[in-house]
Protein backbone atom coordinates (compact mmCIF):
# COMPACT_ATOMS: atom_id res chain seq x y z
CA MET A 1 131.76 -132.89 -55.33
CA GLY A 2 134.71 -130.23 -54.58
CA MET A 3 132.15 -127.23 -56.19
CA CYS A 4 130.06 -127.02 -52.38
CA LEU A 5 132.47 -126.63 -49.79
CA PRO A 6 133.12 -123.42 -50.90
CA CYS A 7 129.41 -122.75 -50.62
CA LEU A 8 128.91 -124.08 -46.98
CA GLY A 9 132.10 -122.26 -45.27
CA GLY A 10 130.35 -118.63 -46.17
CA ALA A 11 126.55 -119.37 -45.46
CA ALA A 12 126.75 -117.78 -41.83
CA ASP A 13 127.55 -114.91 -43.48
CA ASP A 14 124.38 -115.18 -45.99
CA VAL A 15 122.04 -115.45 -42.87
CA VAL A 16 119.64 -112.12 -42.53
CA VAL A 17 119.05 -111.64 -39.09
CA THR A 18 115.04 -110.09 -38.90
CA PRO A 19 114.28 -107.71 -36.14
CA ASP A 20 112.26 -108.40 -32.76
CA PRO A 21 108.21 -106.73 -34.32
CA GLU A 22 108.68 -103.70 -32.15
CA THR A 23 111.74 -102.78 -33.80
CA LYS A 24 109.99 -103.32 -37.21
CA ARG A 25 106.76 -101.44 -35.92
CA ARG A 26 108.44 -98.51 -35.42
CA GLN A 27 111.29 -98.39 -38.59
CA LEU A 28 107.66 -99.50 -40.56
CA ALA A 29 105.93 -96.14 -38.47
CA GLU A 30 109.11 -93.99 -39.90
CA ALA A 31 107.88 -95.07 -43.54
CA ALA A 32 105.14 -94.00 -43.06
CA GLU A 33 106.20 -90.98 -41.94
CA LYS A 34 108.32 -90.03 -44.17
CA ARG A 35 106.45 -90.99 -47.01
CA GLN A 36 103.53 -89.08 -46.07
CA LYS A 37 105.56 -86.18 -45.68
CA GLU A 38 106.28 -86.04 -48.89
CA SER A 39 103.28 -86.74 -50.83
CA THR A 40 101.73 -83.88 -49.16
CA HIS A 41 105.01 -81.77 -49.96
CA ARG A 42 105.27 -83.22 -53.72
CA GLY A 43 104.82 -80.24 -56.27
CA VAL A 44 104.73 -77.32 -53.32
CA LYS A 45 109.07 -75.86 -53.66
CA ASN A 46 108.55 -73.76 -50.20
CA PRO A 47 106.56 -75.99 -47.98
CA GLU A 48 107.26 -74.02 -44.97
CA ALA A 49 105.23 -71.49 -45.40
CA VAL A 50 102.52 -73.24 -47.28
CA GLU A 51 102.27 -74.62 -43.05
CA ARG A 52 102.77 -71.34 -42.25
CA LYS A 53 100.11 -70.47 -44.73
CA LYS A 54 97.77 -72.47 -43.16
CA LYS A 55 98.70 -71.89 -39.92
CA LYS A 56 97.35 -68.64 -40.61
CA GLN A 57 94.20 -69.11 -41.90
CA GLU A 58 93.34 -71.86 -39.86
CA GLU A 59 93.35 -69.29 -37.06
CA MET A 60 92.04 -66.65 -38.91
CA GLU A 61 88.59 -69.35 -38.44
CA LYS A 62 89.50 -70.02 -35.49
CA GLN A 63 89.07 -66.14 -35.23
CA ALA A 64 85.87 -65.53 -36.83
CA MET A 65 84.40 -68.59 -35.39
CA SER A 66 84.75 -67.37 -30.90
CA THR A 67 83.79 -62.85 -32.25
CA SER A 68 80.54 -64.25 -34.27
CA PRO A 69 77.02 -63.87 -31.92
CA SER A 70 76.32 -67.37 -30.74
CA GLY A 71 72.43 -67.95 -30.65
CA GLY A 72 71.55 -64.71 -31.93
CA GLY A 73 72.34 -66.00 -36.17
CA GLY A 74 70.73 -67.73 -38.00
CA LEU A 75 67.30 -68.32 -39.49
CA ARG A 76 64.48 -69.74 -37.32
CA TRP A 77 61.88 -72.14 -39.13
CA GLN A 78 58.15 -71.10 -37.66
CA VAL A 79 55.87 -74.40 -36.51
CA GLY A 80 52.42 -73.61 -37.38
């Protein structure tokens, strides 16, 4: 019968307090962002270089779109 007494004395120490819903959401969002970053950069030795290259490519595409003539190019169809 004396075997149960040590268990009851330490029972309060074993209780896990769950965080409030806002903290839980924040932790889950941070974990999701971390997983997404890790999967994005998986197999890439220099992720910063990849990001710079991607931004440069986007800027070049944006510049190409802004310098192309608008309204004059493209195919025209005749309805007849």
